[in-house]
Amino acid sequence: MPLKRASRGRTKGGKGSTGVVQCTNCGSTVPKDKAKKVTSRLNLVEHTLAKELRAQGAYIASPTVLKWYCISCAIHFKILKIRSADSRRKRGKLR
């Protein structure tokens, strides 16, 4: 049976089995090398208040939030784009 992707959709290489993570959106368990990792910063203070506090010299911490998405949720939230067979074969920039 022919393969759609040479990597079978994973970035595992020759590592053997990898751990699993839960999708942030739907909760399904996905292999860690197949899930899409998204890091974002969380603003704890409103923008106008933060601007005033920074003007006074205050440091405002903004923690990073790590989210893992399964492939179907990543496509739904437009983190991944559906690519044609020709563009899947090309090396280089994916997005």
Protein backbone atom coordinates (compact mmCIF):
# COMPACT_ATOMS: atom_id res chain seq x y z
CA MET A 1 0.00 0.00 0.00
CA PRO A 2 1.48 3.38 -0.96
CA LEU A 3 2.38 5.91 1.70
CA LYS A 4 0.80 9.34 1.72
CA ARG A 5 3.72 10.71 3.74
CA ALA A 6 7.22 9.33 4.02
CA SER A 7 7.33 10.23 7.71
CA ARG A 8 3.83 8.82 8.33
CA GLY A 9 2.96 12.19 9.84
CA ARG A 10 5.51 12.01 12.64
CA THR A 11 8.86 13.63 13.44
CA LYS A 12 10.10 10.56 15.26
CA GLY A 13 12.99 9.53 13.04
CA GLY A 14 14.63 6.45 14.53
CA LYS A 15 13.84 7.17 18.18
CA GLY A 16 11.53 4.25 18.82
CA SER A 17 8.33 4.87 20.77
CA THR A 18 7.62 8.33 22.13
CA GLY A 19 5.35 9.51 24.91
CA VAL A 20 1.81 10.74 24.50
CA VAL A 21 0.22 14.10 25.24
CA GLN A 22 -3.40 15.16 25.47
CA CYS A 23 -4.90 17.56 22.96
CA THR A 24 -5.75 20.88 24.60
CA ASN A 25 -9.00 21.17 22.68
CA CYS A 26 -10.57 17.71 22.42
CA GLY A 27 -8.55 15.75 25.01
CA SER A 28 -7.54 12.91 22.71
CA THR A 29 -4.17 11.26 23.36
CA VAL A 30 -1.68 11.90 20.58
CA PRO A 31 1.97 10.80 20.21
CA LYS A 32 4.19 13.68 21.28
CA ASP A 33 6.08 13.76 17.99
CA LYS A 34 2.84 13.92 15.99
CA ALA A 35 1.08 16.61 18.05
CA LYS A 36 1.50 20.29 17.20
CA LYS A 37 3.01 22.38 19.98
CA VAL A 38 1.89 26.00 20.30
CA THR A 39 3.42 28.39 22.81
CA SER A 40 1.72 31.69 23.59
CA ARG A 41 2.08 34.39 26.21
CA LEU A 42 -0.64 35.07 28.74
CA ASN A 43 -1.40 38.70 29.56
CA LEU A 44 -2.35 38.97 33.20
CA VAL A 45 -2.87 42.75 33.13
CA GLU A 46 -5.09 44.80 30.81
CA HIS A 47 -3.20 46.54 28.00
CA THR A 48 -3.87 50.14 29.07
CA LEU A 49 -2.95 49.42 32.69
CA ALA A 50 0.18 47.57 31.60
CA LYS A 51 1.22 50.55 29.49
CA GLU A 52 0.89 52.89 32.48
CA LEU A 53 2.78 50.52 34.77
CA ARG A 54 5.63 50.13 32.26
CA ALA A 55 5.87 53.92 32.00
CA GLN A 56 6.44 54.00 35.77
CA GLY A 57 9.17 51.36 35.43
CA ALA A 58 7.33 48.28 36.68
CA TYR A 59 8.09 44.79 35.39
CA ILE A 60 5.03 42.83 34.32
CA ALA A 61 5.45 39.08 34.08
CA SER A 62 3.68 37.30 31.24
CA PRO A 63 3.94 33.52 31.61
CA THR A 64 4.14 31.33 28.55
CA VAL A 65 1.35 28.82 27.98
CA LEU A 66 2.15 25.55 26.25
CA LYS A 67 -0.64 23.91 24.24
CA TRP A 68 -0.61 20.63 22.34
CA TYR A 69 -3.07 20.02 19.50
CA CYS A 70 -3.98 16.87 17.60
CA ILE A 71 -3.88 17.18 13.82
CA SER A 72 -7.63 17.62 13.35
CA CYS A 73 -7.84 20.37 15.97
CA ALA A 74 -4.71 22.07 14.57
CA ILE A 75 -6.36 22.17 11.13
CA HIS A 76 -9.59 23.46 12.68
CA PHE A 77 -7.81 26.30 14.47
CA LYS A 78 -5.75 27.06 11.31
CA ILE A 79 -2.43 26.19 12.93
CA LEU A 80 -1.87 23.78 10.04
CA LYS A 81 -2.89 24.20 6.44
CA ILE A 82 -4.04 21.38 4.19
CA ARG A 83 -1.40 21.02 1.48
CA SER A 84 -1.52 19.39 -1.92
CA ALA A 85 0.60 16.36 -2.77
CA ASP A 86 3.11 18.52 -4.65
CA SER A 87 3.58 20.94 -1.78
CA ARG A 88 3.93 18.04 0.69
CA ARG A 89 6.89 16.75 -1.30
CA LYS A 90 8.72 20.09 -1.25
CA ARG A 91 11.32 20.75 1.40
CA GLY A 92 11.61 24.04 3.21
CA LYS A 93 9.13 26.36 4.80
CA LEU A 94 5.90 24.56 5.74
CA ARG A 95 3.65 27.48 6.57
